[in-house]
Amino acid sequence: MALPLLIEHLREYHQWRMRIANAVDQIAKLSVDLEILPSGTMLRMQNLSREIAGDQLRISFFGEFARGKSELINALFFSDL
């Protein structure tokens, strides 16, 4: 069964974010090996890598009572069921 388009895009976004985090981490490790950056900069890069990897996407829905918020959420995430 195919996943809803929104879920596919969210997974692609997560994978992209993880690739960026890994690239930043690899650059930080390479700079340690080559001793080309100050240690403070390397620590900031490693912290940035962890922040990127741990970042979360939050979606909020708000509106007046009985205006279809739950229906919208169900349509976005459960349209294939």
PDB file of N, CA and C in Angstrom:
ATOM      1  N   MET A   1       0.842  -1.170   0.000  1.00  0.00           N
ATOM      2  CA  MET A   1       0.000   0.000   0.000  1.00  0.00           C
ATOM      3  C   MET A   1       0.894   1.241   0.000  1.00  0.00           C
ATOM      4  N   ALA A   2       0.615   2.179  -0.853  1.00  0.00           N
ATOM      5  CA  ALA A   2       1.398   3.396  -0.964  1.00  0.00           C
ATOM      6  C   ALA A   2       1.088   4.334   0.203  1.00  0.00           C
ATOM      7  N   LEU A   3       2.125   5.041   0.633  1.00  0.00           N
ATOM      8  CA  LEU A   3       1.950   6.012   1.713  1.00  0.00           C
ATOM      9  C   LEU A   3       1.328   7.300   1.174  1.00  0.00           C
ATOM     10  N   PRO A   4       0.615   8.019   2.029  1.00  0.00           N
ATOM     11  CA  PRO A   4       0.096   9.322   1.597  1.00  0.00           C
ATOM     12  C   PRO A   4       1.259  10.239   1.198  1.00  0.00           C
ATOM     13  N   LEU A   5       0.997  11.129   0.278  1.00  0.00           N
ATOM     14  CA  LEU A   5       2.027  12.012  -0.254  1.00  0.00           C
ATOM     15  C   LEU A   5       2.681  12.842   0.843  1.00  0.00           C
ATOM     16  N   LEU A   6       1.915  13.334   1.799  1.00  0.00           N
ATOM     17  CA  LEU A   6       2.470  14.129   2.882  1.00  0.00           C
ATOM     18  C   LEU A   6       3.486  13.332   3.686  1.00  0.00           C
ATOM     19  N   ILE A   7       3.157  12.083   3.990  1.00  0.00           N
ATOM     20  CA  ILE A   7       4.059  11.230   4.758  1.00  0.00           C
ATOM     21  C   ILE A   7       5.337  10.971   3.960  1.00  0.00           C
ATOM     22  N   GLU A   8       5.219  10.736   2.677  1.00  0.00           N
ATOM     23  CA  GLU A   8       6.403  10.524   1.833  1.00  0.00           C
ATOM     24  C   GLU A   8       7.308  11.745   1.858  1.00  0.00           C
ATOM     25  N   HIS A   9       6.711  12.929   1.736  1.00  0.00           N
ATOM     26  CA  HIS A   9       7.510  14.155   1.742  1.00  0.00           C
ATOM     27  C   HIS A   9       8.158  14.395   3.106  1.00  0.00           C
ATOM     28  N   LEU A  10       7.449  14.075   4.165  1.00  0.00           N
ATOM     29  CA  LEU A  10       8.044  14.223   5.494  1.00  0.00           C
ATOM     30  C   LEU A  10       9.215  13.274   5.684  1.00  0.00           C
ATOM     31  N   ARG A  11       9.101  12.075   5.167  1.00  0.00           N
ATOM     32  CA  ARG A  11      10.219  11.122   5.248  1.00  0.00           C
ATOM     33  C   ARG A  11      11.407  11.610   4.424  1.00  0.00           C
ATOM     34  N   GLU A  12      11.140  12.125   3.233  1.00  0.00           N
ATOM     35  CA  GLU A  12      12.216  12.670   2.405  1.00  0.00           C
ATOM     36  C   GLU A  12      12.895  13.833   3.105  1.00  0.00           C
ATOM     37  N   TYR A  13      12.119  14.697   3.754  1.00  0.00           N
ATOM     38  CA  TYR A  13      12.672  15.819   4.505  1.00  0.00           C
ATOM     39  C   TYR A  13      13.563  15.315   5.634  1.00  0.00           C
ATOM     40  N   HIS A  14      13.107  14.299   6.349  1.00  0.00           N
ATOM     41  CA  HIS A  14      13.897  13.721   7.441  1.00  0.00           C
ATOM     42  C   HIS A  14      15.216  13.140   6.916  1.00  0.00           C
ATOM     43  N   GLN A  15      15.146  12.413   5.825  1.00  0.00           N
ATOM     44  CA  GLN A  15      16.365  11.829   5.248  1.00  0.00           C
ATOM     45  C   GLN A  15      17.332  12.917   4.790  1.00  0.00           C
ATOM     46  N   TRP A  16      16.825  13.980   4.190  1.00  0.00           N
ATOM     47  CA  TRP A  16      17.655  15.098   3.762  1.00  0.00           C
ATOM     48  C   TRP A  16      18.329  15.750   4.964  1.00  0.00           C
ATOM     49  N   ARG A  17      17.553  15.968   6.027  1.00  0.00           N
ATOM     50  CA  ARG A  17      18.095  16.573   7.240  1.00  0.00           C
ATOM     51  C   ARG A  17      19.192  15.703   7.852  1.00  0.00           C
ATOM     52  N   MET A  18      18.998  14.395   7.834  1.00  0.00           N
ATOM     53  CA  MET A  18      20.014  13.493   8.386  1.00  0.00           C
ATOM     54  C   MET A  18      21.286  13.513   7.535  1.00  0.00           C
ATOM     55  N   ARG A  19      21.143  13.614   6.203  1.00  0.00           N
ATOM     56  CA  ARG A  19      22.327  13.709   5.342  1.00  0.00           C
ATOM     57  C   ARG A  19      23.109  14.991   5.635  1.00  0.00           C
ATOM     58  N   ILE A  20      22.393  16.088   5.839  1.00  0.00           N
ATOM     59  CA  ILE A  20      23.052  17.358   6.170  1.00  0.00           C
ATOM     60  C   ILE A  20      23.778  17.235   7.508  1.00  0.00           C
ATOM     61  N   ALA A  21      23.128  16.658   8.506  1.00  0.00           N
ATOM     62  CA  ALA A  21      23.745  16.488   9.822  1.00  0.00           C
ATOM     63  C   ALA A  21      25.004  15.632   9.720  1.00  0.00           C
ATOM     64  N   ASN A  22      24.935  14.551   8.944  1.00  0.00           N
ATOM     65  CA  ASN A  22      26.111  13.690   8.769  1.00  0.00           C
ATOM     66  C   ASN A  22      27.231  14.420   8.048  1.00  0.00           C
ATOM     67  N   ALA A  23      26.897  15.232   7.056  1.00  0.00           N
ATOM     68  CA  ALA A  23      27.917  15.984   6.323  1.00  0.00           C
ATOM     69  C   ALA A  23      28.611  16.984   7.232  1.00  0.00           C
ATOM     70  N   VAL A  24      27.851  17.691   8.057  1.00  0.00           N
ATOM     71  CA  VAL A  24      28.451  18.648   8.993  1.00  0.00           C
ATOM     72  C   VAL A  24      29.347  17.918   9.980  1.00  0.00           C
ATOM     73  N   ASP A  25      28.888  16.774  10.469  1.00  0.00           N
ATOM     74  CA  ASP A  25      29.688  15.976  11.406  1.00  0.00           C
ATOM     75  C   ASP A  25      30.977  15.488  10.748  1.00  0.00           C
ATOM     76  N   GLN A  26      30.901  15.046   9.510  1.00  0.00           N
ATOM     77  CA  GLN A  26      32.109  14.582   8.804  1.00  0.00           C
ATOM     78  C   GLN A  26      33.097  15.722   8.580  1.00  0.00           C
ATOM     79  N   ILE A  27      32.585  16.908   8.264  1.00  0.00           N
ATOM     80  CA  ILE A  27      33.465  18.065   8.091  1.00  0.00           C
ATOM     81  C   ILE A  27      34.162  18.391   9.409  1.00  0.00           C
ATOM     82  N   ALA A  28      33.426  18.326  10.510  1.00  0.00           N
ATOM     83  CA  ALA A  28      34.023  18.586  11.821  1.00  0.00           C
ATOM     84  C   ALA A  28      35.107  17.561  12.129  1.00  0.00           C
ATOM     85  N   LYS A  29      34.845  16.286  11.844  1.00  0.00           N
ATOM     86  CA  LYS A  29      35.848  15.249  12.104  1.00  0.00           C
ATOM     87  C   LYS A  29      37.070  15.416  11.204  1.00  0.00           C
ATOM     88  N   LEU A  30      36.845  15.771   9.958  1.00  0.00           N
ATOM     89  CA  LEU A  30      37.965  15.997   9.035  1.00  0.00           C
ATOM     90  C   LEU A  30      38.815  17.179   9.494  1.00  0.00           C
ATOM     91  N   SER A  31      38.164  18.222   9.967  1.00  0.00           N
ATOM     92  CA  SER A  31      38.921  19.382  10.433  1.00  0.00           C
ATOM     93  C   SER A  31      39.737  19.046  11.682  1.00  0.00           C
ATOM     94  N   VAL A  32      39.260  18.101  12.505  1.00  0.00           N
ATOM     95  CA  VAL A  32      40.049  17.641  13.652  1.00  0.00           C
ATOM     96  C   VAL A  32      41.289  16.915  13.149  1.00  0.00           C
ATOM     97  N   ASP A  33      41.092  16.009  12.187  1.00  0.00           N
ATOM     98  CA  ASP A  33      42.214  15.236  11.653  1.00  0.00           C
ATOM     99  C   ASP A  33      43.256  16.124  10.981  1.00  0.00           C
ATOM    100  N   LEU A  34      42.794  17.136  10.261  1.00  0.00           N
ATOM    101  CA  LEU A  34      43.708  18.011   9.527  1.00  0.00           C
ATOM    102  C   LEU A  34      44.164  19.210  10.353  1.00  0.00           C
ATOM    103  N   GLU A  35      43.559  19.390  11.521  1.00  0.00           N
ATOM    104  CA  GLU A  35      43.882  20.511  12.411  1.00  0.00           C
ATOM    105  C   GLU A  35      43.797  21.851  11.681  1.00  0.00           C
ATOM    106  N   ILE A  36      42.683  22.074  10.984  1.00  0.00           N
ATOM    107  CA  ILE A  36      42.546  23.299  10.204  1.00  0.00           C
ATOM    108  C   ILE A  36      41.598  24.318  10.840  1.00  0.00           C
ATOM    109  N   LEU A  37      40.839  23.900  11.839  1.00  0.00           N
ATOM    110  CA  LEU A  37      39.913  24.821  12.499  1.00  0.00           C
ATOM    111  C   LEU A  37      40.194  24.846  13.999  1.00  0.00           C
ATOM    112  N   PRO A  38      39.918  25.969  14.641  1.00  0.00           N
ATOM    113  CA  PRO A  38      40.068  26.010  16.099  1.00  0.00           C
ATOM    114  C   PRO A  38      39.090  25.037  16.765  1.00  0.00           C
ATOM    115  N   SER A  39      39.453  24.577  17.952  1.00  0.00           N
ATOM    116  CA  SER A  39      38.629  23.574  18.630  1.00  0.00           C
ATOM    117  C   SER A  39      37.232  24.106  18.926  1.00  0.00           C
ATOM    118  N   GLY A  40      37.084  25.399  19.208  1.00  0.00           N
ATOM    119  CA  GLY A  40      35.763  25.968  19.462  1.00  0.00           C
ATOM    120  C   GLY A  40      34.858  25.873  18.250  1.00  0.00           C
ATOM    121  N   THR A  41      35.414  26.094  17.081  1.00  0.00           N
ATOM    122  CA  THR A  41      34.637  25.999  15.844  1.00  0.00           C
ATOM    123  C   THR A  41      34.218  24.560  15.593  1.00  0.00           C
ATOM    124  N   MET A  42      35.120  23.632  15.847  1.00  0.00           N
ATOM    125  CA  MET A  42      34.786  22.216  15.656  1.00  0.00           C
ATOM    126  C   MET A  42      33.668  21.787  16.606  1.00  0.00           C
ATOM    127  N   LEU A  43      33.736  22.264  17.852  1.00  0.00           N
ATOM    128  CA  LEU A  43      32.676  21.931  18.807  1.00  0.00           C
ATOM    129  C   LEU A  43      31.341  22.519  18.360  1.00  0.00           C
ATOM    130  N   ARG A  44      31.361  23.742  17.832  1.00  0.00           N
ATOM    131  CA  ARG A  44      30.124  24.345  17.331  1.00  0.00           C
ATOM    132  C   ARG A  44      29.559  23.550  16.162  1.00  0.00           C
ATOM    133  N   MET A  45      30.432  23.052  15.298  1.00  0.00           N
ATOM    134  CA  MET A  45      29.963  22.247  14.166  1.00  0.00           C
ATOM    135  C   MET A  45      29.353  20.937  14.645  1.00  0.00           C
ATOM    136  N   GLN A  46      29.971  20.311  15.634  1.00  0.00           N
ATOM    137  CA  GLN A  46      29.418  19.070  16.169  1.00  0.00           C
ATOM    138  C   GLN A  46      28.073  19.324  16.843  1.00  0.00           C
ATOM    139  N   ASN A  47      27.964  20.448  17.564  1.00  0.00           N
ATOM    140  CA  ASN A  47      26.679  20.803  18.184  1.00  0.00           C
ATOM    141  C   ASN A  47      25.623  21.078  17.118  1.00  0.00           C
ATOM    142  N   LEU A  48      26.024  21.756  16.054  1.00  0.00           N
ATOM    143  CA  LEU A  48      25.096  22.021  14.949  1.00  0.00           C
ATOM    144  C   LEU A  48      24.602  20.718  14.336  1.00  0.00           C
ATOM    145  N   SER A  49      25.492  19.760  14.157  1.00  0.00           N
ATOM    146  CA  SER A  49      25.111  18.459  13.611  1.00  0.00           C
ATOM    147  C   SER A  49      24.065  17.778  14.491  1.00  0.00           C
ATOM    148  N   ARG A  50      24.281  17.819  15.800  1.00  0.00           N
ATOM    149  CA  ARG A  50      23.312  17.212  16.729  1.00  0.00           C
ATOM    150  C   ARG A  50      21.975  17.957  16.704  1.00  0.00           C
ATOM    151  N   GLU A  51      22.026  19.285  16.614  1.00  0.00           N
ATOM    152  CA  GLU A  51      20.786  20.063  16.559  1.00  0.00           C
ATOM    153  C   GLU A  51      19.996  19.753  15.293  1.00  0.00           C
ATOM    154  N   ILE A  52      20.679  19.652  14.169  1.00  0.00           N
ATOM    155  CA  ILE A  52      20.002  19.336  12.910  1.00  0.00           C
ATOM    156  C   ILE A  52      19.358  17.956  12.994  1.00  0.00           C
ATOM    157  N   ALA A  53      20.099  16.986  13.519  1.00  0.00           N
ATOM    158  CA  ALA A  53      19.587  15.613  13.612  1.00  0.00           C
ATOM    159  C   ALA A  53      18.405  15.517  14.578  1.00  0.00           C
ATOM    160  N   GLY A  54      18.424  16.312  15.643  1.00  0.00           N
ATOM    161  CA  GLY A  54      17.378  16.225  16.654  1.00  0.00           C
ATOM    162  C   GLY A  54      16.214  17.178  16.443  1.00  0.00           C
ATOM    163  N   ASP A  55      16.298  18.008  15.415  1.00  0.00           N
ATOM    164  CA  ASP A  55      15.247  18.984  15.156  1.00  0.00           C
ATOM    165  C   ASP A  55      13.943  18.274  14.811  1.00  0.00           C
ATOM    166  N   GLN A  56      12.839  18.880  15.211  1.00  0.00           N
ATOM    167  CA  GLN A  56      11.527  18.298  14.939  1.00  0.00           C
ATOM    168  C   GLN A  56      10.664  19.296  14.177  1.00  0.00           C
ATOM    169  N   LEU A  57       9.891  18.779  13.283  1.00  0.00           N
ATOM    170  CA  LEU A  57       8.918  19.583  12.565  1.00  0.00           C
ATOM    171  C   LEU A  57       7.601  19.494  13.321  1.00  0.00           C
ATOM    172  N   ARG A  58       7.047  20.629  13.676  1.00  0.00           N
ATOM    173  CA  ARG A  58       5.784  20.646  14.412  1.00  0.00           C
ATOM    174  C   ARG A  58       4.731  21.335  13.558  1.00  0.00           C
ATOM    175  N   ILE A  59       3.600  20.711  13.501  1.00  0.00           N
ATOM    176  CA  ILE A  59       2.472  21.259  12.752  1.00  0.00           C
ATOM    177  C   ILE A  59       1.346  21.496  13.745  1.00  0.00           C
ATOM    178  N   SER A  60       0.810  22.685  13.735  1.00  0.00           N
ATOM    179  CA  SER A  60      -0.307  22.961  14.638  1.00  0.00           C
ATOM    180  C   SER A  60      -1.531  23.387  13.831  1.00  0.00           C
ATOM    181  N   PHE A  61      -2.661  23.022  14.337  1.00  0.00           N
ATOM    182  CA  PHE A  61      -3.941  23.358  13.725  1.00  0.00           C
ATOM    183  C   PHE A  61      -4.753  24.116  14.768  1.00  0.00           C
ATOM    184  N   PHE A  62      -5.268  25.245  14.387  1.00  0.00           N
ATOM    185  CA  PHE A  62      -6.104  25.987  15.317  1.00  0.00           C
ATOM    186  C   PHE A  62      -7.239  26.649  14.550  1.00  0.00           C
ATOM    187  N   GLY A  63      -8.290  26.883  15.244  1.00  0.00           N
ATOM    188  CA  GLY A  63      -9.463  27.504  14.634  1.00  0.00           C
ATOM    189  C   GLY A  63     -10.636  27.445  15.585  1.00  0.00           C
ATOM    190  N   GLU A  64     -11.725  27.971  15.153  1.00  0.00           N
ATOM    191  CA  GLU A  64     -12.920  27.987  15.980  1.00  0.00           C
ATOM    192  C   GLU A  64     -13.459  26.578  16.185  1.00  0.00           C
ATOM    193  N   PHE A  65     -14.295  26.449  17.170  1.00  0.00           N
ATOM    194  CA  PHE A  65     -14.930  25.188  17.514  1.00  0.00           C
ATOM    195  C   PHE A  65     -15.740  24.669  16.320  1.00  0.00           C
ATOM    196  N   ALA A  66     -15.590  23.375  16.031  1.00  0.00           N
ATOM    197  CA  ALA A  66     -16.377  22.676  15.003  1.00  0.00           C
ATOM    198  C   ALA A  66     -16.205  23.292  13.616  1.00  0.00           C
ATOM    199  N   ARG A  67     -14.962  23.560  13.229  1.00  0.00           N
ATOM    200  CA  ARG A  67     -14.699  24.130  11.910  1.00  0.00           C
ATOM    201  C   ARG A  67     -13.905  23.196  11.004  1.00  0.00           C
ATOM    202  N   GLY A  68     -13.739  21.929  11.406  1.00  0.00           N
ATOM    203  CA  GLY A  68     -13.135  20.944  10.518  1.00  0.00           C
ATOM    204  C   GLY A  68     -11.659  20.666  10.726  1.00  0.00           C
ATOM    205  N   LYS A  69     -11.111  21.058  11.867  1.00  0.00           N
ATOM    206  CA  LYS A  69      -9.688  20.808  12.124  1.00  0.00           C
ATOM    207  C   LYS A  69      -9.383  19.314  12.143  1.00  0.00           C
ATOM    208  N   SER A  70     -10.188  18.562  12.844  1.00  0.00           N
ATOM    209  CA  SER A  70      -9.980  17.112  12.925  1.00  0.00           C
ATOM    210  C   SER A  70     -10.148  16.453  11.557  1.00  0.00           C
ATOM    211  N   GLU A  71     -11.097  16.925  10.789  1.00  0.00           N
ATOM    212  CA  GLU A  71     -11.291  16.383   9.442  1.00  0.00           C
ATOM    213  C   GLU A  71     -10.072  16.648   8.569  1.00  0.00           C
ATOM    214  N   LEU A  72      -9.493  17.844   8.700  1.00  0.00           N
ATOM    215  CA  LEU A  72      -8.294  18.174   7.941  1.00  0.00           C
ATOM    216  C   LEU A  72      -7.129  17.280   8.338  1.00  0.00           C
ATOM    217  N   ILE A  73      -6.931  17.091   9.632  1.00  0.00           N
ATOM    218  CA  ILE A  73      -5.853  16.225  10.115  1.00  0.00           C
ATOM    219  C   ILE A  73      -6.050  14.804   9.602  1.00  0.00           C
ATOM    220  N   ASN A  74      -7.272  14.291   9.707  1.00  0.00           N
ATOM    221  CA  ASN A  74      -7.555  12.942   9.221  1.00  0.00           C
ATOM    222  C   ASN A  74      -7.328  12.829   7.717  1.00  0.00           C
ATOM    223  N   ALA A  75      -7.704  13.848   6.972  1.00  0.00           N
ATOM    224  CA  ALA A  75      -7.524  13.818   5.519  1.00  0.00           C
ATOM    225  C   ALA A  75      -6.041  13.847   5.156  1.00  0.00           C
ATOM    226  N   LEU A  76      -5.248  14.613   5.908  1.00  0.00           N
ATOM    227  CA  LEU A  76      -3.816  14.704   5.609  1.00  0.00           C
ATOM    228  C   LEU A  76      -3.068  13.414   5.930  1.00  0.00           C
ATOM    229  N   PHE A  77      -3.373  12.840   7.081  1.00  0.00           N
ATOM    230  CA  PHE A  77      -2.567  11.714   7.550  1.00  0.00           C
ATOM    231  C   PHE A  77      -3.187  10.350   7.325  1.00  0.00           C
ATOM    232  N   PHE A  78      -4.488  10.285   7.125  1.00  0.00           N
ATOM    233  CA  PHE A  78      -5.147   8.976   7.029  1.00  0.00           C
ATOM    234  C   PHE A  78      -5.993   8.836   5.760  1.00  0.00           C
ATOM    235  N   SER A  79      -5.663   9.578   4.725  1.00  0.00           N
ATOM    236  CA  SER A  79      -6.486   9.570   3.522  1.00  0.00           C
ATOM    237  C   SER A  79      -6.463   8.224   2.795  1.00  0.00           C
ATOM    238  N   ASP A  80      -5.434   7.425   3.028  1.00  0.00           N
ATOM    239  CA  ASP A  80      -5.336   6.156   2.323  1.00  0.00           C
ATOM    240  C   ASP A  80      -6.075   5.016   3.031  1.00  0.00           C
ATOM    241  N   LEU A  81      -6.593   5.245   4.226  1.00  0.00           N
ATOM    242  CA  LEU A  81      -7.238   4.163   4.996  1.00  0.00           C
ATOM    243  C   LEU A  81      -8.708   4.052   4.679  1.00  0.00           C
TER     244      LEU A  81
END
